[in-house]
Protein backbone atom coordinates (compact mmCIF):
# COMPACT_ATOMS: atom_id res chain seq x y z
CA UNK A 1 -57.87 -0.95 -102.98
CA UNK A 2 -56.57 0.52 -99.94
CA UNK A 3 -53.27 -0.59 -98.85
CA UNK A 4 -53.18 -0.26 -95.02
CA UNK A 5 -49.23 0.30 -93.51
CA UNK A 6 -48.19 -1.93 -90.49
CA UNK A 7 -45.34 -0.85 -88.32
CA UNK A 8 -41.97 -1.25 -89.31
CA UNK A 9 -39.78 -3.79 -87.16
CA UNK A 10 -37.87 -0.47 -86.44
CA UNK A 11 -40.71 0.74 -84.34
CA UNK A 12 -41.50 -2.29 -82.35
CA UNK A 13 -39.56 -1.81 -78.92
CA UNK A 14 -36.83 -4.17 -78.72
CA UNK A 15 -35.87 -6.17 -75.31
CA UNK A 16 -32.41 -5.48 -73.82
CA UNK A 17 -30.92 -8.64 -74.84
CA UNK A 18 -29.12 -11.64 -72.95
CA UNK A 19 -26.25 -9.51 -71.92
CA UNK A 20 -28.08 -6.30 -70.94
CA UNK A 21 -30.61 -8.50 -69.00
CA UNK A 22 -28.15 -9.89 -67.27
CA UNK A 23 -26.55 -6.61 -66.18
CA UNK A 24 -29.91 -5.03 -65.56
CA UNK A 25 -30.78 -7.72 -62.97
CA UNK A 26 -30.72 -7.16 -59.32
CA UNK A 27 -31.38 -10.53 -58.18
CA UNK A 28 -28.78 -12.32 -56.14
CA UNK A 29 -26.22 -8.97 -56.26
CA UNK A 30 -24.99 -9.37 -52.64
CA UNK A 31 -23.71 -12.68 -53.41
CA UNK A 32 -21.37 -11.26 -55.98
CA UNK A 33 -20.17 -8.22 -54.17
CA UNK A 34 -19.51 -10.77 -50.99
CA UNK A 35 -17.73 -13.34 -53.55
CA UNK A 36 -15.51 -9.81 -54.29
CA UNK A 37 -14.80 -8.50 -51.14
CA UNK A 38 -14.00 -12.18 -49.87
CA UNK A 39 -10.49 -11.71 -50.53
CA UNK A 40 -9.69 -8.15 -48.52
CA UNK A 41 -11.86 -9.62 -45.81
CA UNK A 42 -10.19 -12.75 -45.13
CA UNK A 43 -7.03 -11.06 -45.09
CA UNK A 44 -8.40 -8.54 -42.99
CA UNK A 45 -10.04 -11.25 -40.68
CA UNK A 46 -6.09 -12.60 -40.88
CA UNK A 47 -4.53 -10.01 -39.91
CA UNK A 48 -6.41 -9.19 -37.06
CA UNK A 49 -6.01 -12.59 -35.47
CA UNK A 50 -2.23 -12.98 -36.35
CA UNK A 51 -1.34 -9.82 -35.26
CA UNK A 52 -3.55 -10.34 -32.02
CA UNK A 53 -1.37 -13.79 -31.29
CA UNK A 54 1.85 -11.91 -32.00
CA UNK A 55 1.03 -9.01 -29.05
CA UNK A 56 -0.18 -11.92 -26.69
CA UNK A 57 3.19 -13.59 -26.98
CA UNK A 58 5.18 -10.40 -26.66
CA UNK A 59 3.51 -9.70 -23.37
CA UNK A 60 4.37 -13.63 -22.07
CA UNK A 61 7.65 -13.29 -23.37
CA UNK A 62 8.20 -9.43 -21.81
CA UNK A 63 6.88 -10.76 -18.48
CA UNK A 64 9.69 -13.93 -18.63
CA UNK A 65 12.52 -11.51 -19.68
CA UNK A 66 11.63 -9.32 -16.55
CA UNK A 67 11.68 -12.23 -14.10
CA UNK A 68 15.06 -13.99 -15.72
CA UNK A 69 16.83 -10.80 -15.43
CA UNK A 70 15.98 -10.12 -12.21
CA UNK A 71 16.93 -13.77 -11.10
CA UNK A 72 20.29 -13.56 -13.11
CA UNK A 73 20.68 -9.87 -11.50
CA UNK A 74 19.51 -11.20 -7.93
CA UNK A 75 21.30 -14.10 -7.21
CA UNK A 76 24.41 -14.57 -10.30
CA UNK A 77 27.47 -13.40 -10.88
CA UNK A 78 30.02 -14.43 -13.67
CA UNK A 79 31.26 -18.00 -11.88
CA UNK A 80 30.83 -20.80 -13.43
CA UNK A 81 28.84 -23.23 -11.64
CA UNK A 82 28.79 -27.13 -11.06
CA UNK A 83 26.32 -27.95 -13.45
CA UNK A 84 27.02 -30.05 -16.60
CA UNK A 85 28.41 -28.97 -18.75
CA UNK A 86 29.21 -25.72 -16.08
CA UNK A 87 27.51 -22.57 -16.59
CA UNK A 88 27.79 -18.57 -15.20
CA UNK A 89 26.01 -18.64 -12.28
CA UNK A 90 24.04 -15.94 -14.04
CA UNK A 91 23.13 -17.46 -17.19
CA UNK A 92 22.07 -20.52 -15.36
CA UNK A 93 19.12 -18.22 -13.77
CA UNK A 94 18.40 -16.95 -16.79
CA UNK A 95 17.78 -19.92 -18.98
CA UNK A 96 16.00 -21.56 -15.37
CA UNK A 97 13.53 -18.68 -15.35
CA UNK A 98 12.60 -18.40 -18.57
CA UNK A 99 12.51 -22.42 -19.32
CA UNK A 100 10.06 -22.18 -16.26
CA UNK A 101 7.81 -19.57 -18.35
CA UNK A 102 7.90 -21.92 -21.26
CA UNK A 103 10.47 -20.52 -23.32
CA UNK A 104 13.60 -23.07 -23.35
CA UNK A 105 16.86 -21.94 -25.36
CA UNK A 106 17.29 -23.99 -28.24
CA UNK A 107 13.72 -25.31 -28.84
CA UNK A 108 12.52 -24.98 -32.30
CA UNK A 109 13.47 -21.37 -32.92
CA UNK A 110 13.63 -19.70 -29.42
CA UNK A 111 16.29 -18.15 -28.16
CA UNK A 112 17.62 -16.76 -24.43
CA UNK A 113 20.36 -14.40 -24.44
CA UNK A 114 21.81 -13.36 -21.07
CA UNK A 115 24.49 -10.99 -20.33
CA UNK A 116 25.78 -9.47 -17.74
CA UNK A 117 27.63 -6.69 -19.09
CA UNK A 118 24.87 -4.90 -20.59
CA UNK A 119 25.07 -1.12 -20.40
CA UNK A 120 22.76 0.78 -17.70
CA UNK A 121 20.09 2.88 -18.95
CA UNK A 122 21.22 6.62 -17.55
CA UNK A 123 24.61 5.22 -15.99
CA UNK A 124 22.21 3.47 -12.84
CA UNK A 125 25.16 1.03 -11.88
CA UNK A 126 28.04 -0.28 -12.77
CA UNK A 127 26.70 -3.98 -13.87
CA UNK A 128 23.70 -4.39 -15.64
CA UNK A 129 22.27 -7.97 -16.25
CA UNK A 130 20.58 -8.39 -19.98
CA UNK A 131 17.78 -11.30 -21.09
CA UNK A 132 16.31 -11.47 -24.78
CA UNK A 133 13.72 -13.88 -25.85
CA UNK A 134 12.80 -14.95 -29.03
CA UNK A 135 11.08 -17.09 -31.03
CA UNK A 136 9.87 -17.21 -35.20
CA UNK A 137 6.37 -18.27 -35.54
CA UNK A 138 4.70 -19.06 -38.91
CA UNK A 139 2.49 -16.89 -40.57
CA UNK A 140 -0.56 -17.70 -42.59
CA UNK A 141 -3.42 -15.48 -44.07
CA UNK A 142 -1.21 -12.19 -43.88
CA UNK A 143 -0.06 -13.79 -47.00
CA UNK A 144 -2.75 -13.03 -48.47
CA UNK A 145 -2.25 -9.18 -48.21
CA UNK A 146 1.39 -9.77 -49.53
CA UNK A 147 3.61 -9.80 -46.06
CA UNK A 148 6.31 -12.35 -46.18
CA UNK A 149 7.16 -12.13 -42.52
CA UNK A 150 10.43 -10.47 -41.04
CA UNK A 151 12.82 -13.86 -40.81
CA UNK A 152 13.86 -16.88 -42.21
CA UNK A 153 11.78 -19.80 -41.40
CA UNK A 154 12.54 -23.29 -43.01
CA UNK A 155 12.10 -22.71 -46.73
CA UNK A 156 10.18 -19.38 -46.16
CA UNK A 157 9.71 -16.93 -43.59
CA UNK A 158 8.19 -16.16 -40.70
CA UNK A 159 7.56 -13.71 -37.97
CA UNK A 160 10.28 -13.45 -35.39
CA UNK A 161 8.95 -11.85 -32.08
CA UNK A 162 11.30 -10.80 -29.34
CA UNK A 163 11.14 -9.14 -25.79
CA UNK A 164 14.21 -7.94 -23.68
CA UNK A 165 14.84 -6.92 -19.81
CA UNK A 166 17.48 -5.21 -18.50
CA UNK A 167 17.86 -5.64 -14.11
CA UNK A 168 20.43 -4.27 -11.60
CA UNK A 169 21.02 -1.90 -9.06
CA UNK A 170 18.19 0.51 -8.75
CA UNK A 171 17.97 3.52 -6.63
CA UNK A 172 17.36 3.20 -2.68
CA UNK A 173 13.16 2.74 -2.24
CA UNK A 174 11.39 6.09 -2.38
CA UNK A 175 9.96 7.94 0.43
CA UNK A 176 6.40 7.39 2.10
CA UNK A 177 3.87 9.66 2.61
CA UNK A 178 1.49 6.89 4.22
CA UNK A 179 2.61 3.74 5.91
CA UNK A 180 0.57 0.91 7.40
CA UNK A 181 2.05 -0.75 10.02
CA UNK A 182 -0.31 -4.09 10.39
CA UNK A 183 1.48 -6.76 9.38
CA UNK A 184 0.14 -10.69 8.53
CA UNK A 185 -2.33 -11.38 6.26
CA UNK A 186 -4.91 -8.39 6.14
CA UNK A 187 -5.22 -5.33 3.86
CA UNK A 188 -2.74 -2.98 5.45
CA UNK A 189 -3.98 -0.18 2.67
CA UNK A 190 -7.33 -0.96 1.07
CA UNK A 191 -9.69 1.42 -1.16
CA UNK A 192 -13.18 0.31 -2.62
CA UNK A 193 -13.17 2.37 -5.73
CA UNK A 194 -12.08 5.98 -4.22
CA UNK A 195 -12.21 7.10 -8.40
CA UNK A 196 -11.65 10.91 -6.94
CA UNK A 197 -8.70 10.09 -4.75
CA UNK A 198 -5.55 11.86 -5.87
CA UNK A 199 -2.06 11.11 -4.33
CA UNK A 200 -0.15 12.41 -6.75
CA UNK A 201 3.59 12.98 -5.54
CA UNK A 202 2.50 10.27 -2.43
CA UNK A 203 4.03 6.77 -2.31
CA UNK A 204 2.21 4.61 -0.17
CA UNK A 205 3.41 1.15 1.86
CA UNK A 206 1.61 -1.27 3.75
CA UNK A 207 3.39 -3.61 6.11
CA UNK A 208 0.51 -6.52 4.97
CA UNK A 209 -0.91 -6.54 2.07
CA UNK A 210 -2.74 -3.48 -0.45
CA UNK A 211 -5.77 -3.76 -2.32
CA UNK A 212 -7.41 -1.03 -4.61
CA UNK A 213 -10.29 -2.05 -6.07
CA UNK A 214 -11.62 0.00 -9.62
CA UNK A 215 -8.76 3.06 -9.01
CA UNK A 216 -4.94 3.01 -8.39
CA UNK A 217 -5.21 6.13 -6.38
CA UNK A 218 -2.90 8.17 -8.14
CA UNK A 219 0.09 7.67 -6.44
CA UNK A 220 3.13 7.54 -7.74
CA UNK A 221 3.90 4.13 -6.51
CA UNK A 222 2.29 1.69 -4.13
CA UNK A 223 4.55 -1.06 -2.31
CA UNK A 224 3.15 -4.10 -0.07
CA UNK A 225 5.07 -6.07 2.09
CA UNK A 226 2.04 -8.88 0.80
CA UNK A 227 0.19 -8.54 -2.26
CA UNK A 228 -0.23 -5.18 -4.00
CA UNK A 229 -3.42 -5.35 -6.06
CA UNK A 230 -3.57 -1.84 -7.53
CA UNK A 231 -2.15 0.46 -5.32
CA UNK A 232 -0.28 3.15 -6.75
CA UNK A 233 0.40 3.94 -10.45
CA UNK A 234 3.42 1.49 -10.01
CA UNK A 235 2.28 -1.14 -7.90
CA UNK A 236 5.09 -3.69 -6.05
CA UNK A 237 4.17 -6.62 -4.23
CA UNK A 238 6.83 -8.56 -1.41
CA UNK A 239 8.84 -5.90 -0.77
CA UNK A 240 10.48 -5.54 2.73
CA UNK A 241 8.67 -4.59 5.77
CA UNK A 242 9.03 -0.56 6.82
CA UNK A 243 10.20 -0.77 10.69
CA UNK A 244 8.15 2.48 12.53
CA UNK A 245 10.62 5.23 12.73
CA UNK A 246 8.51 7.34 15.08
CA UNK A 247 7.88 4.75 18.27
CA UNK A 248 11.37 6.08 20.06
CA UNK A 249 9.76 9.55 20.19
CA UNK A 250 7.37 8.50 23.01
CA UNK A 251 10.37 8.63 25.35
CA UNK A 252 10.16 12.50 25.55
CA UNK A 253 6.10 11.78 26.56
CA UNK A 254 6.23 13.96 30.08
CA UNK A 255 5.58 11.91 33.28
CA UNK A 256 1.30 12.10 34.05
CA UNK A 257 0.78 14.23 36.90
CA UNK A 258 -3.10 12.99 36.70
CA UNK A 259 -3.10 10.26 39.33
CA UNK A 260 -4.65 6.86 38.64
CA UNK A 261 -8.52 8.04 39.57
CA UNK A 262 -11.00 8.88 37.00
CA UNK A 263 -11.48 11.77 38.85
CA UNK A 264 -8.68 13.16 37.81
CA UNK A 265 -8.99 13.12 34.32
CA UNK A 266 -12.60 16.04 33.57
CA UNK A 267 -14.47 14.76 30.86
CA UNK A 268 -16.70 16.74 28.51
CA UNK A 269 -19.65 14.15 29.19
CA UNK A 270 -19.85 15.43 32.91
CA UNK A 271 -22.47 17.69 33.59
CA UNK A 272 -20.12 19.89 35.91
CA UNK A 273 -18.43 20.63 32.59
CA UNK A 274 -14.57 20.87 31.76
CA UNK A 275 -12.36 23.45 34.49
CA UNK A 276 -11.26 26.65 33.56
CA UNK A 277 -7.50 24.62 32.21
CA UNK A 278 -9.21 22.65 30.10
CA UNK A 279 -10.59 25.42 27.80
CA UNK A 280 -8.42 26.74 25.66
CA UNK A 281 -9.33 30.40 23.84
CA UNK A 282 -6.84 33.25 22.44
CA UNK A 283 -3.01 33.15 21.75
CA UNK A 284 -0.79 31.30 23.41
CA UNK A 285 3.58 30.64 23.92
CA UNK A 286 5.96 27.91 24.89
CA UNK A 287 6.20 29.84 28.32
CA UNK A 288 2.47 29.36 29.00
CA UNK A 289 1.18 28.13 31.98
CA UNK A 290 -1.77 26.58 30.69
CA UNK A 291 0.58 24.43 28.26
CA UNK A 292 3.44 24.00 30.02
CA UNK A 293 2.74 21.17 31.81
CA UNK A 294 0.08 17.81 30.26
CA UNK A 295 -3.45 18.59 30.29
CA UNK A 296 -5.16 16.27 32.40
CA UNK A 297 -8.44 15.11 30.52
CA UNK A 298 -10.57 16.59 27.60
CA UNK A 299 -9.48 19.88 26.25
CA UNK A 300 -12.34 22.12 24.48
CA UNK A 301 -11.62 25.11 22.52
CA UNK A 302 -14.00 28.19 23.48
CA UNK A 303 -12.53 30.03 20.38
CA UNK A 304 -10.04 30.36 18.01
CA UNK A 305 -6.36 29.71 19.44
CA UNK A 306 -3.23 31.01 18.19
CA UNK A 307 0.11 29.38 19.20
CA UNK A 308 3.14 31.57 18.64
CA UNK A 309 6.80 32.45 19.70
CA UNK A 310 8.49 29.20 19.25
CA UNK A 311 7.83 25.06 19.96
CA UNK A 312 4.60 24.00 21.84
CA UNK A 313 4.14 20.72 23.04
CA UNK A 314 0.30 20.07 24.08
CA UNK A 315 0.41 16.96 25.84
CA UNK A 316 -3.43 15.75 26.91
CA UNK A 317 -3.60 13.02 29.25
CA UNK A 318 -6.85 10.67 29.10
CA UNK A 319 -8.62 13.29 26.37
CA UNK A 320 -9.82 14.09 23.34
CA UNK A 321 -9.02 17.71 22.05
CA UNK A 322 -12.36 19.24 20.88
CA UNK A 323 -11.94 21.99 18.59
CA UNK A 324 -15.39 22.98 19.37
CA UNK A 325 -16.22 24.84 15.68
CA UNK A 326 -12.80 27.13 16.16
CA UNK A 327 -9.61 27.24 14.84
CA UNK A 328 -6.22 26.23 16.34
CA UNK A 329 -3.49 27.34 14.38
CA UNK A 330 0.24 28.31 14.43
CA UNK A 331 1.96 31.27 13.92
CA UNK A 332 4.75 32.18 11.24
CA UNK A 333 7.75 30.49 12.63
CA UNK A 334 5.96 28.65 15.15
CA UNK A 335 5.27 24.94 15.46
CA UNK A 336 3.17 22.57 17.89
CA UNK A 337 3.10 19.00 18.71
CA UNK A 338 -0.34 17.74 20.27
CA UNK A 339 0.53 14.62 21.80
CA UNK A 340 -2.42 11.91 23.03
CA UNK A 341 -0.99 9.81 25.76
CA UNK A 342 -2.35 8.56 29.55
CA UNK A 343 -2.23 5.26 31.19
CA UNK A 344 -5.70 3.47 30.92
CA UNK A 345 -7.99 4.06 33.78
CA UNK A 346 -11.41 1.86 34.39
CA UNK A 347 -14.41 4.27 33.38
CA UNK A 348 -12.66 6.42 30.55
CA UNK A 349 -12.97 5.54 26.90
CA UNK A 350 -11.84 9.30 25.43
CA UNK A 351 -11.70 9.92 22.11
CA UNK A 352 -7.92 9.98 21.58
CA UNK A 353 -7.22 12.42 18.87
CA UNK A 354 -8.79 15.92 17.39
CA UNK A 355 -12.89 15.90 17.16
CA UNK A 356 -15.40 18.47 16.90
CA UNK A 357 -15.31 20.23 13.85
CA UNK A 358 -13.43 23.22 13.23
CA UNK A 359 -9.97 23.23 11.73
CA UNK A 360 -6.30 22.66 12.69
CA UNK A 361 -4.13 24.59 10.91
CA UNK A 362 -0.88 23.56 12.58
CA UNK A 363 2.81 23.20 11.61
CA UNK A 364 5.05 21.55 13.22
CA UNK A 365 8.18 22.19 15.30
CA UNK A 366 11.27 22.08 12.87
CA UNK A 367 13.67 21.20 15.58
CA UNK A 368 14.21 19.75 18.60
CA UNK A 369 12.94 16.50 20.44
CA UNK A 370 9.60 16.82 18.53
CA UNK A 371 11.14 18.00 15.16
CA UNK A 372 8.18 17.38 12.31
CA UNK A 373 5.72 15.65 14.53
CA UNK A 374 2.42 17.44 14.61
CA UNK A 375 0.11 15.20 15.96
CA UNK A 376 1.30 12.00 17.76
CA UNK A 377 -0.64 9.16 19.91
CA UNK A 378 1.29 7.28 22.33
CA UNK A 379 2.20 3.86 20.84
CA UNK A 380 1.34 2.71 24.28
CA UNK A 381 -2.48 3.45 23.85
CA UNK A 382 -4.39 0.32 23.18
CA UNK A 383 -5.85 -0.33 20.12
CA UNK A 384 -9.57 0.10 20.08
CA UNK A 385 -12.41 2.57 19.12
CA UNK A 386 -10.57 5.45 21.54
CA UNK A 387 -8.09 5.45 18.94
CA UNK A 388 -9.28 5.58 16.06
CA UNK A 389 -9.98 7.74 13.52
CA UNK A 390 -12.26 8.67 10.80
CA UNK A 391 -11.43 12.06 8.88
CA UNK A 392 -13.97 13.01 6.51
CA UNK A 393 -12.51 16.65 5.65
CA UNK A 394 -14.19 18.34 8.30
CA UNK A 395 -14.35 16.49 11.58
CA UNK A 396 -12.18 18.80 11.78
CA UNK A 397 -10.39 20.28 8.53
CA UNK A 398 -6.96 19.33 8.44
CA UNK A 399 -4.46 21.86 7.40
CA UNK A 400 -1.26 20.41 8.56
CA UNK A 401 2.72 20.32 7.68
CA UNK A 402 4.57 17.22 9.52
CA UNK A 403 3.63 13.80 10.43
CA UNK A 404 0.64 12.62 11.88
CA UNK A 405 0.95 9.68 14.08
CA UNK A 406 -1.25 7.12 14.70
CA UNK A 407 0.29 4.01 15.07
CA UNK A 408 -2.50 1.94 16.58
CA UNK A 409 -5.65 3.51 14.63
CA UNK A 410 -7.47 2.36 12.03
CA UNK A 411 -8.14 4.98 9.81
CA UNK A 412 -10.89 5.82 7.85
CA UNK A 413 -9.76 8.57 4.87
CA UNK A 414 -12.62 9.95 3.26
CA UNK A 415 -11.47 13.93 2.76
CA UNK A 416 -8.89 16.39 1.88
CA UNK A 417 -5.67 17.46 3.61
CA UNK A 418 -3.66 20.78 2.96
CA UNK A 419 -0.77 22.41 4.11
CA UNK A 420 -0.58 24.68 7.18
CA UNK A 421 -1.04 28.12 5.90
CA UNK A 422 2.19 28.95 7.70
CA UNK A 423 3.92 25.87 6.53
CA UNK A 424 5.66 24.33 3.83
CA UNK A 425 4.77 21.14 1.62
CA UNK A 426 5.19 17.96 3.79
CA UNK A 427 2.97 15.79 5.12
CA UNK A 428 2.97 11.84 6.20
CA UNK A 429 0.31 9.78 7.71
CA UNK A 430 1.17 6.72 10.10
CA UNK A 431 -1.40 4.44 10.76
CA UNK A 432 -2.32 0.51 11.37
CA UNK A 433 -4.61 0.18 8.73
CA UNK A 434 -5.89 2.85 6.30
CA UNK A 435 -9.50 2.53 4.30
CA UNK A 436 -9.36 5.46 1.19
CA UNK A 437 -12.97 6.39 0.15
CA UNK A 438 -14.61 8.98 -1.77
CA UNK A 439 -12.58 11.88 -2.40
CA UNK A 440 -9.89 11.26 0.08
CA UNK A 441 -6.42 13.31 -1.27
CA UNK A 442 -3.89 15.31 -0.14
CA UNK A 443 -1.93 18.38 -1.77
CA UNK A 444 0.28 18.00 -4.52
CA UNK A 445 3.59 16.63 -3.96
CA UNK A 446 3.24 16.36 0.11
CA UNK A 447 7.28 15.23 0.33
CA UNK A 448 8.66 18.00 -1.54
CA UNK A 449 9.95 20.50 1.34
CA UNK A 450 9.64 17.73 4.86
CA UNK A 451 13.55 18.75 5.09
CA UNK A 452 12.78 22.42 5.86
CA UNK A 453 9.65 20.79 8.19
CA UNK A 454 12.33 19.00 9.81
CA UNK A 455 10.51 15.83 9.05
CA UNK A 456 12.36 12.44 7.75
CA UNK A 457 9.56 10.43 6.30
CA UNK A 458 9.97 6.78 6.23
CA UNK A 459 11.48 4.51 3.98
CA UNK A 460 12.32 0.80 2.80
CA UNK A 461 15.19 -0.79 4.25
CA UNK A 462 18.28 -0.51 3.54
CA UNK A 463 20.24 0.75 0.55
CA UNK A 464 20.30 0.05 -2.98
CA UNK A 465 18.66 -2.83 -4.49
CA UNK A 466 18.45 -4.65 -7.98
CA UNK A 467 15.42 -3.95 -9.98
CA UNK A 468 13.92 -3.92 -13.57
CA UNK A 469 15.33 -1.12 -15.14
CA UNK A 470 13.98 -1.18 -18.37
């Protein structure tokens, strides 16, 4: 009899068993992982949401504290008012402004603390006013990660949020390298982008509004008597008007010798061309017969012109200055003021500013009645296309030390201004309105050497004023 052996049980393949099967089963694995991660995810979401709300509240508080401190410093003092109960005037001002922003002292956990004996930053004044606004808010989801808050709230803890502002007597407003004299509800200064504009070291002032879309122009500060929307790294609105400081200089313009007839003012457009007295080239000194008196009509360069030997005044009556592709420059130690003036004459409409390509490389006189003034449009010239200027950097290019005064001109500024080769770092532009485009900019710190250039730049009204100090 033959015995056939069957495979033993140990030779049979065995299954993993119920626990092993569960571990090896990959179906629904994501659900398990999500369950494991829900706690840290909830904590992160709660942290993000609550911290964001704290930051928003802090920003709101800071704005309220700034306004309250300014109100206390500007309108308040330590005297008691006639309220019930009586309060120090500065304290009433601070509490009223803070309440208007939604922070009422004593409402829940909200506190508004004001002082008129704060330490002034950097010794900036003898008396400073400080306002601190605080509020404790409950905490919720951040508890998941074990955060309990930083201040008592009821039987537990909450998050204390606060903001502080100090206001006091600040320094007088800075001098301006650009001043727009237009007033009313208009944009005295306007920029539509100008992403490459760079006015570092320059302060801007508009006697109307200032609007800069998309770029602050890189100016250290921008001030406006109306609303300032984005002009300047520091932008201020509702500033005092700045009066035109240079209009009185017009009394130094010499009498007009040219008469009242159009024929007395030669223009380049006439076929006969300009007389020799209206054409300049070579070197000139203040004693030059050509420049000793006003020139009637247009002036054209027929070669490079160098002014030397002292201070020169080039007065042009009812005419333009056509550089004609050449350079008008001042030698070392010399200065020039180019004056555009003239009565309104029927049939004449000259462009009363430099044109014709080339280069203005001029420094203003450092002394005398025209001290610091490089280019001067008579404020009596009527507004209009004759006095408007579009500067793109090459029509002509400006390398100027001193003041460019265009009080009735709407100026479009798209190019770069350099300092005169024989001049110091000083440039001031005064216009009616200013439009800044493209790469409009100037050399750095254009006000750094104006005292050496003989020019006092325009500045804000009066001396010191109340302002935020921290």
